[in-house]
Amino acid sequence: MTALLNVTVPAAGTYTGSSFQFRVPAPLNPVLGAQLTFTYGSGGTSINAYLQTSFDGGTNWCDVVSFAQLLLASQRTVVDVVQGAFAPAAATDGTLAAGTANAGLLGPWWRCKYVIAGAYSASTLRVDAFSNVGIVPAGVGAFN
């Protein structure tokens, strides 16, 4: 398990977490599972959280998963991303509809993007990734 994001919810705004890469070449059928855990304290309006991938070393990012919009209650969401044949998808960056996914997008770089509306207090946001290949901070023994 790799924590892609583990933050106390900051002030309203748009944020991105650190970038991560696969450590070794992906096998023929790479799989990435992700678990988002939102622990609600108080305040706030909404949080939109995205799991994103990049095919060009982090220059451009594509939404793979847009987690269901987080509001005023704690929740946990688990998703699987499996590479496979699919219809072409528009490359969105922070605009994929809440609760949807672009199945099959599986690039070598990963990060989380999140958009906060309102002022939260004592709230946390965490995204953990599980994969059949190693995941390391970008540039640390990674495979491009």
N, C-alpha and C. Protein backbone atom coordinates (compact mmCIF):
# COMPACT_ATOMS: atom_id res chain seq x y z
N MET A 1 0.85 -1.16 0.00
CA MET A 1 0.00 0.00 0.00
C MET A 1 0.90 1.23 0.00
N THR A 2 0.54 2.20 -0.83
CA THR A 2 1.25 3.47 -0.90
C THR A 2 0.26 4.59 -0.67
N ALA A 3 0.56 5.48 0.27
CA ALA A 3 -0.30 6.64 0.50
C ALA A 3 0.01 7.68 -0.56
N LEU A 4 -0.89 7.85 -1.53
CA LEU A 4 -0.71 8.87 -2.55
C LEU A 4 -1.03 10.26 -2.00
N LEU A 5 -1.89 10.30 -0.99
CA LEU A 5 -2.30 11.57 -0.40
C LEU A 5 -2.70 11.30 1.04
N ASN A 6 -2.26 12.15 1.95
CA ASN A 6 -2.65 12.03 3.36
C ASN A 6 -2.55 13.43 3.96
N VAL A 7 -3.67 14.17 3.95
CA VAL A 7 -3.63 15.57 4.35
C VAL A 7 -4.78 15.93 5.28
N THR A 8 -4.53 16.94 6.11
CA THR A 8 -5.61 17.62 6.80
C THR A 8 -6.21 18.54 5.75
N VAL A 9 -7.53 18.55 5.62
CA VAL A 9 -8.18 19.34 4.58
C VAL A 9 -7.82 20.81 4.76
N PRO A 10 -7.20 21.41 3.73
CA PRO A 10 -6.77 22.81 3.81
C PRO A 10 -7.91 23.78 3.51
N ALA A 11 -7.57 25.05 3.42
CA ALA A 11 -8.53 26.11 3.08
C ALA A 11 -9.09 25.86 1.68
N ALA A 12 -10.18 26.53 1.35
CA ALA A 12 -10.79 26.40 0.03
C ALA A 12 -9.75 26.66 -1.05
N GLY A 13 -9.81 25.87 -2.12
CA GLY A 13 -8.86 26.02 -3.22
C GLY A 13 -8.68 24.72 -3.97
N THR A 14 -7.77 24.73 -4.95
CA THR A 14 -7.44 23.55 -5.74
C THR A 14 -6.02 23.14 -5.42
N TYR A 15 -5.82 21.85 -5.14
CA TYR A 15 -4.52 21.34 -4.71
C TYR A 15 -4.18 20.06 -5.46
N THR A 16 -2.88 19.76 -5.54
CA THR A 16 -2.42 18.48 -6.07
C THR A 16 -1.44 17.88 -5.08
N GLY A 17 -1.47 16.56 -4.99
CA GLY A 17 -0.53 15.86 -4.14
C GLY A 17 0.77 15.58 -4.90
N SER A 18 1.68 14.92 -4.25
CA SER A 18 2.96 14.53 -4.86
C SER A 18 2.72 13.56 -6.01
N SER A 19 3.69 13.50 -6.93
CA SER A 19 3.63 12.57 -8.06
C SER A 19 4.31 11.26 -7.69
N PHE A 20 3.77 10.17 -8.20
CA PHE A 20 4.31 8.84 -7.99
C PHE A 20 4.45 8.14 -9.33
N GLN A 21 5.37 7.17 -9.39
CA GLN A 21 5.59 6.39 -10.60
C GLN A 21 5.65 4.91 -10.27
N PHE A 22 5.42 4.08 -11.31
CA PHE A 22 5.63 2.65 -11.15
C PHE A 22 7.13 2.41 -11.03
N ARG A 23 7.53 1.48 -10.16
CA ARG A 23 8.94 1.19 -9.94
C ARG A 23 9.51 0.27 -11.00
N VAL A 24 8.71 -0.63 -11.51
CA VAL A 24 9.17 -1.58 -12.52
C VAL A 24 8.20 -1.54 -13.69
N PRO A 25 8.62 -2.02 -14.87
CA PRO A 25 7.68 -2.06 -15.99
C PRO A 25 6.41 -2.81 -15.59
N ALA A 26 5.29 -2.30 -16.03
CA ALA A 26 4.01 -2.93 -15.70
C ALA A 26 3.88 -4.27 -16.42
N PRO A 27 3.28 -5.25 -15.78
CA PRO A 27 3.04 -6.53 -16.45
C PRO A 27 1.98 -6.35 -17.54
N LEU A 28 1.66 -7.43 -18.23
CA LEU A 28 0.71 -7.35 -19.33
C LEU A 28 -0.65 -6.83 -18.88
N ASN A 29 -1.05 -7.11 -17.68
CA ASN A 29 -2.35 -6.67 -17.18
C ASN A 29 -2.18 -5.91 -15.87
N PRO A 30 -1.64 -4.69 -15.92
CA PRO A 30 -1.45 -3.94 -14.67
C PRO A 30 -2.79 -3.58 -14.04
N VAL A 31 -2.78 -3.59 -12.72
CA VAL A 31 -3.98 -3.26 -11.95
C VAL A 31 -3.57 -2.26 -10.87
N LEU A 32 -4.39 -1.26 -10.67
CA LEU A 32 -4.18 -0.31 -9.60
C LEU A 32 -5.49 -0.17 -8.86
N GLY A 33 -5.47 -0.42 -7.57
CA GLY A 33 -6.64 -0.20 -6.74
C GLY A 33 -6.39 1.01 -5.87
N ALA A 34 -7.44 1.75 -5.59
CA ALA A 34 -7.29 2.94 -4.76
C ALA A 34 -8.43 3.00 -3.75
N GLN A 35 -8.09 3.48 -2.57
CA GLN A 35 -9.09 3.67 -1.52
C GLN A 35 -9.01 5.10 -1.03
N LEU A 36 -10.11 5.82 -1.12
CA LEU A 36 -10.20 7.17 -0.59
C LEU A 36 -10.91 7.10 0.75
N THR A 37 -10.33 7.74 1.75
CA THR A 37 -10.94 7.82 3.07
C THR A 37 -11.05 9.28 3.46
N PHE A 38 -12.27 9.75 3.66
CA PHE A 38 -12.53 11.13 4.07
C PHE A 38 -13.10 11.07 5.49
N THR A 39 -12.42 11.72 6.42
CA THR A 39 -12.88 11.78 7.81
C THR A 39 -13.35 13.21 8.06
N TYR A 40 -14.65 13.34 8.27
CA TYR A 40 -15.26 14.66 8.42
C TYR A 40 -15.18 15.12 9.86
N GLY A 41 -14.76 16.38 10.03
CA GLY A 41 -14.75 17.01 11.34
C GLY A 41 -15.94 17.94 11.46
N SER A 42 -15.81 19.14 10.83
CA SER A 42 -16.92 20.09 10.82
C SER A 42 -16.71 21.12 9.71
N GLY A 43 -17.76 21.91 9.44
CA GLY A 43 -17.68 22.98 8.46
C GLY A 43 -17.67 22.46 7.04
N GLY A 44 -17.18 23.32 6.13
CA GLY A 44 -17.02 22.94 4.74
C GLY A 44 -18.31 22.88 3.94
N THR A 45 -18.13 22.76 2.62
CA THR A 45 -19.25 22.64 1.70
C THR A 45 -19.13 21.36 0.88
N SER A 46 -17.98 21.19 0.17
CA SER A 46 -17.77 19.98 -0.62
C SER A 46 -16.30 19.83 -0.98
N ILE A 47 -15.94 18.60 -1.32
CA ILE A 47 -14.60 18.28 -1.81
C ILE A 47 -14.77 17.39 -3.03
N ASN A 48 -14.12 17.77 -4.12
CA ASN A 48 -14.05 16.91 -5.31
C ASN A 48 -12.63 16.37 -5.37
N ALA A 49 -12.49 15.06 -5.40
CA ALA A 49 -11.17 14.42 -5.41
C ALA A 49 -11.03 13.56 -6.67
N TYR A 50 -9.85 13.65 -7.28
CA TYR A 50 -9.57 12.95 -8.53
C TYR A 50 -8.28 12.15 -8.40
N LEU A 51 -8.28 10.95 -8.94
CA LEU A 51 -7.07 10.16 -9.12
C LEU A 51 -6.67 10.38 -10.57
N GLN A 52 -5.44 10.85 -10.80
CA GLN A 52 -5.01 11.21 -12.15
C GLN A 52 -3.76 10.45 -12.57
N THR A 53 -3.59 10.30 -13.88
CA THR A 53 -2.40 9.68 -14.44
C THR A 53 -1.81 10.59 -15.51
N SER A 54 -0.52 10.42 -15.77
CA SER A 54 0.16 11.19 -16.81
C SER A 54 0.95 10.23 -17.69
N PHE A 55 0.87 10.48 -18.99
CA PHE A 55 1.60 9.67 -19.96
C PHE A 55 2.86 10.38 -20.44
N ASP A 56 3.08 11.63 -20.00
CA ASP A 56 4.20 12.41 -20.51
C ASP A 56 5.09 12.98 -19.39
N GLY A 57 5.29 12.20 -18.36
CA GLY A 57 6.21 12.61 -17.29
C GLY A 57 5.69 13.71 -16.39
N GLY A 58 4.38 13.87 -16.32
CA GLY A 58 3.79 14.84 -15.41
C GLY A 58 3.51 16.21 -16.02
N THR A 59 3.71 16.35 -17.33
CA THR A 59 3.39 17.63 -17.97
C THR A 59 1.89 17.84 -18.08
N ASN A 60 1.17 16.80 -18.50
CA ASN A 60 -0.29 16.84 -18.64
C ASN A 60 -0.89 15.70 -17.83
N TRP A 61 -2.03 15.98 -17.21
CA TRP A 61 -2.68 14.99 -16.35
C TRP A 61 -4.07 14.67 -16.85
N CYS A 62 -4.47 13.40 -16.70
CA CYS A 62 -5.80 12.93 -17.12
C CYS A 62 -6.52 12.35 -15.91
N ASP A 63 -7.78 12.74 -15.73
CA ASP A 63 -8.59 12.16 -14.67
C ASP A 63 -8.87 10.69 -14.99
N VAL A 64 -8.58 9.82 -14.04
CA VAL A 64 -8.91 8.41 -14.18
C VAL A 64 -10.16 8.11 -13.37
N VAL A 65 -10.20 8.64 -12.16
CA VAL A 65 -11.36 8.45 -11.28
C VAL A 65 -11.74 9.79 -10.67
N SER A 66 -13.02 10.09 -10.68
CA SER A 66 -13.55 11.22 -9.94
C SER A 66 -14.39 10.60 -8.83
N PHE A 67 -13.87 10.67 -7.61
CA PHE A 67 -14.60 10.06 -6.50
C PHE A 67 -15.92 10.79 -6.30
N ALA A 68 -16.91 10.10 -5.74
CA ALA A 68 -18.18 10.74 -5.46
C ALA A 68 -17.92 11.98 -4.61
N GLN A 69 -18.65 13.03 -4.87
CA GLN A 69 -18.42 14.29 -4.17
C GLN A 69 -18.54 14.11 -2.66
N LEU A 70 -17.54 14.59 -1.94
CA LEU A 70 -17.50 14.47 -0.49
C LEU A 70 -18.20 15.70 0.09
N LEU A 71 -19.12 15.48 1.01
CA LEU A 71 -19.88 16.60 1.56
C LEU A 71 -19.64 16.75 3.05
N LEU A 72 -20.61 16.41 3.86
CA LEU A 72 -20.52 16.66 5.29
C LEU A 72 -20.59 15.38 6.11
N ALA A 73 -20.07 14.29 5.59
CA ALA A 73 -20.06 13.03 6.34
C ALA A 73 -18.83 12.23 5.95
N SER A 74 -18.26 11.50 6.88
CA SER A 74 -17.12 10.65 6.59
C SER A 74 -17.54 9.58 5.59
N GLN A 75 -16.61 9.17 4.72
CA GLN A 75 -16.90 8.08 3.80
C GLN A 75 -15.62 7.43 3.33
N ARG A 76 -15.79 6.22 2.78
CA ARG A 76 -14.67 5.46 2.23
C ARG A 76 -15.13 4.93 0.88
N THR A 77 -14.29 5.07 -0.14
CA THR A 77 -14.60 4.61 -1.49
C THR A 77 -13.43 3.80 -2.01
N VAL A 78 -13.71 2.65 -2.63
CA VAL A 78 -12.67 1.80 -3.20
C VAL A 78 -12.94 1.64 -4.69
N VAL A 79 -11.89 1.80 -5.52
CA VAL A 79 -12.02 1.63 -6.97
C VAL A 79 -10.86 0.79 -7.48
N ASP A 80 -11.05 0.13 -8.62
CA ASP A 80 -9.99 -0.59 -9.32
C ASP A 80 -9.83 0.00 -10.70
N VAL A 81 -8.58 0.17 -11.14
CA VAL A 81 -8.27 0.65 -12.48
C VAL A 81 -7.49 -0.46 -13.16
N VAL A 82 -8.04 -1.00 -14.25
CA VAL A 82 -7.42 -2.10 -14.96
C VAL A 82 -7.19 -1.67 -16.39
N GLN A 83 -5.96 -1.87 -16.88
CA GLN A 83 -5.67 -1.51 -18.27
C GLN A 83 -6.36 -2.50 -19.19
N GLY A 84 -6.95 -1.99 -20.24
CA GLY A 84 -7.62 -2.87 -21.19
C GLY A 84 -8.12 -2.08 -22.38
N ALA A 85 -8.69 -2.79 -23.33
CA ALA A 85 -9.24 -2.12 -24.51
C ALA A 85 -10.51 -1.38 -24.12
N PHE A 86 -10.63 -0.18 -24.65
CA PHE A 86 -11.83 0.61 -24.37
C PHE A 86 -11.95 1.69 -25.43
N ALA A 87 -13.07 2.35 -25.46
CA ALA A 87 -13.26 3.45 -26.41
C ALA A 87 -12.41 4.64 -25.95
N PRO A 88 -11.89 5.42 -26.88
CA PRO A 88 -11.10 6.59 -26.49
C PRO A 88 -11.86 7.49 -25.53
N ALA A 89 -11.13 8.09 -24.59
CA ALA A 89 -11.74 8.97 -23.59
C ALA A 89 -11.14 10.36 -23.69
N ALA A 90 -11.95 11.35 -23.41
CA ALA A 90 -11.45 12.73 -23.39
C ALA A 90 -10.49 12.89 -22.22
N ALA A 91 -9.39 13.57 -22.44
CA ALA A 91 -8.40 13.80 -21.38
C ALA A 91 -8.84 15.02 -20.56
N THR A 92 -9.49 14.76 -19.43
CA THR A 92 -9.95 15.85 -18.57
C THR A 92 -8.96 16.03 -17.43
N ASP A 93 -8.90 17.24 -16.89
CA ASP A 93 -8.02 17.53 -15.76
C ASP A 93 -8.85 18.26 -14.70
N GLY A 94 -9.42 17.47 -13.79
CA GLY A 94 -10.23 18.04 -12.72
C GLY A 94 -11.65 18.36 -13.12
N THR A 95 -12.14 17.76 -14.20
CA THR A 95 -13.51 18.03 -14.63
C THR A 95 -14.34 16.77 -14.88
N LEU A 96 -13.79 15.59 -14.64
CA LEU A 96 -14.54 14.35 -14.81
C LEU A 96 -15.72 14.36 -13.85
N ALA A 97 -16.88 13.94 -14.31
CA ALA A 97 -18.09 13.96 -13.49
C ALA A 97 -17.91 13.13 -12.21
N ALA A 98 -18.44 13.62 -11.10
CA ALA A 98 -18.32 12.95 -9.81
C ALA A 98 -18.86 11.52 -9.88
N GLY A 99 -18.13 10.60 -9.28
CA GLY A 99 -18.56 9.21 -9.22
C GLY A 99 -18.37 8.44 -10.51
N THR A 100 -17.48 8.92 -11.41
CA THR A 100 -17.26 8.22 -12.67
C THR A 100 -15.77 7.91 -12.85
N ALA A 101 -15.47 7.11 -13.88
CA ALA A 101 -14.08 6.73 -14.15
C ALA A 101 -13.86 6.59 -15.65
N ASN A 102 -12.63 6.82 -16.08
CA ASN A 102 -12.19 6.54 -17.44
C ASN A 102 -11.45 5.22 -17.39
N ALA A 103 -12.18 4.14 -17.51
CA ALA A 103 -11.58 2.81 -17.40
C ALA A 103 -10.51 2.62 -18.46
N GLY A 104 -9.42 2.02 -18.08
CA GLY A 104 -8.36 1.69 -19.01
C GLY A 104 -7.21 2.68 -19.06
N LEU A 105 -7.38 3.89 -18.52
CA LEU A 105 -6.26 4.84 -18.50
C LEU A 105 -5.30 4.43 -17.40
N LEU A 106 -4.10 4.02 -17.77
CA LEU A 106 -3.14 3.55 -16.78
C LEU A 106 -1.74 3.95 -17.23
N GLY A 107 -1.37 5.22 -16.97
CA GLY A 107 -0.05 5.70 -17.31
C GLY A 107 0.95 5.40 -16.21
N PRO A 108 2.22 5.73 -16.42
CA PRO A 108 3.25 5.43 -15.43
C PRO A 108 3.32 6.43 -14.27
N TRP A 109 2.74 7.62 -14.41
CA TRP A 109 2.77 8.63 -13.35
C TRP A 109 1.39 8.78 -12.75
N TRP A 110 1.30 9.03 -11.43
CA TRP A 110 0.03 9.14 -10.71
C TRP A 110 0.08 10.28 -9.69
N ARG A 111 -1.06 10.87 -9.42
CA ARG A 111 -1.20 11.86 -8.37
C ARG A 111 -2.69 12.01 -8.02
N CYS A 112 -2.94 12.75 -6.95
CA CYS A 112 -4.31 13.10 -6.58
C CYS A 112 -4.47 14.61 -6.71
N LYS A 113 -5.62 15.01 -7.18
CA LYS A 113 -5.99 16.42 -7.26
C LYS A 113 -7.28 16.57 -6.46
N TYR A 114 -7.40 17.66 -5.71
CA TYR A 114 -8.63 17.85 -4.93
C TYR A 114 -9.00 19.32 -4.88
N VAL A 115 -10.30 19.55 -4.92
CA VAL A 115 -10.85 20.90 -4.94
C VAL A 115 -11.73 21.06 -3.71
N ILE A 116 -11.38 22.02 -2.86
CA ILE A 116 -12.09 22.25 -1.60
C ILE A 116 -13.00 23.47 -1.74
N ALA A 117 -14.25 23.33 -1.33
CA ALA A 117 -15.17 24.47 -1.25
C ALA A 117 -15.59 24.62 0.21
N GLY A 118 -15.47 25.82 0.73
CA GLY A 118 -15.83 26.05 2.13
C GLY A 118 -14.65 25.81 3.05
N ALA A 119 -14.85 26.14 4.32
CA ALA A 119 -13.80 26.03 5.33
C ALA A 119 -14.06 24.83 6.23
N TYR A 120 -13.25 23.77 6.06
CA TYR A 120 -13.37 22.57 6.89
C TYR A 120 -12.50 22.72 8.13
N SER A 121 -12.88 22.02 9.18
CA SER A 121 -12.08 21.99 10.41
C SER A 121 -11.98 20.54 10.87
N ALA A 122 -10.80 20.14 11.30
CA ALA A 122 -10.56 18.79 11.84
C ALA A 122 -11.01 17.69 10.87
N SER A 123 -10.81 17.89 9.57
CA SER A 123 -11.17 16.91 8.55
C SER A 123 -9.91 16.44 7.84
N THR A 124 -9.88 15.17 7.42
CA THR A 124 -8.72 14.63 6.72
C THR A 124 -9.14 13.93 5.44
N LEU A 125 -8.20 13.87 4.50
CA LEU A 125 -8.41 13.21 3.22
C LEU A 125 -7.20 12.34 2.94
N ARG A 126 -7.44 11.08 2.64
CA ARG A 126 -6.35 10.13 2.39
C ARG A 126 -6.72 9.27 1.19
N VAL A 127 -5.73 9.04 0.30
CA VAL A 127 -5.91 8.12 -0.82
C VAL A 127 -4.74 7.14 -0.79
N ASP A 128 -5.06 5.86 -0.66
CA ASP A 128 -4.06 4.80 -0.67
C ASP A 128 -4.17 4.03 -1.97
N ALA A 129 -3.02 3.64 -2.54
CA ALA A 129 -2.98 2.87 -3.78
C ALA A 129 -2.40 1.50 -3.53
N PHE A 130 -2.94 0.53 -4.24
CA PHE A 130 -2.49 -0.86 -4.19
C PHE A 130 -2.28 -1.30 -5.64
N SER A 131 -1.15 -1.94 -5.93
CA SER A 131 -0.87 -2.30 -7.32
C SER A 131 -0.09 -3.61 -7.39
N ASN A 132 -0.12 -4.23 -8.59
CA ASN A 132 0.69 -5.42 -8.80
C ASN A 132 2.10 -5.06 -9.26
N VAL A 133 2.44 -3.76 -9.20
CA VAL A 133 3.81 -3.28 -9.40
C VAL A 133 4.12 -2.29 -8.28
N GLY A 134 5.38 -2.04 -8.01
CA GLY A 134 5.75 -1.08 -6.97
C GLY A 134 5.40 0.34 -7.38
N ILE A 135 5.07 1.17 -6.40
CA ILE A 135 4.80 2.58 -6.62
C ILE A 135 5.74 3.36 -5.73
N VAL A 136 6.49 4.30 -6.33
CA VAL A 136 7.48 5.09 -5.58
C VAL A 136 7.31 6.57 -5.90
N PRO A 137 7.80 7.46 -5.04
CA PRO A 137 7.77 8.88 -5.38
C PRO A 137 8.46 9.11 -6.72
N ALA A 138 7.93 10.02 -7.52
CA ALA A 138 8.46 10.28 -8.86
C ALA A 138 9.96 10.53 -8.81
N GLY A 139 10.71 9.85 -9.68
CA GLY A 139 12.14 10.04 -9.79
C GLY A 139 12.98 9.17 -8.89
N VAL A 140 12.35 8.35 -8.02
CA VAL A 140 13.10 7.52 -7.08
C VAL A 140 13.04 6.07 -7.55
N GLY A 141 14.00 5.65 -8.33
CA GLY A 141 14.06 4.25 -8.80
C GLY A 141 12.86 3.87 -9.62
N ALA A 142 12.26 4.83 -10.31
CA ALA A 142 11.04 4.57 -11.04
C ALA A 142 11.34 4.15 -12.48
N PHE A 143 10.32 3.63 -13.11
CA PHE A 143 10.38 3.24 -14.51
C PHE A 143 9.55 4.25 -15.30
N ASN A 144 10.11 4.80 -16.34
CA ASN A 144 9.35 5.76 -17.15
C ASN A 144 8.66 5.03 -18.23
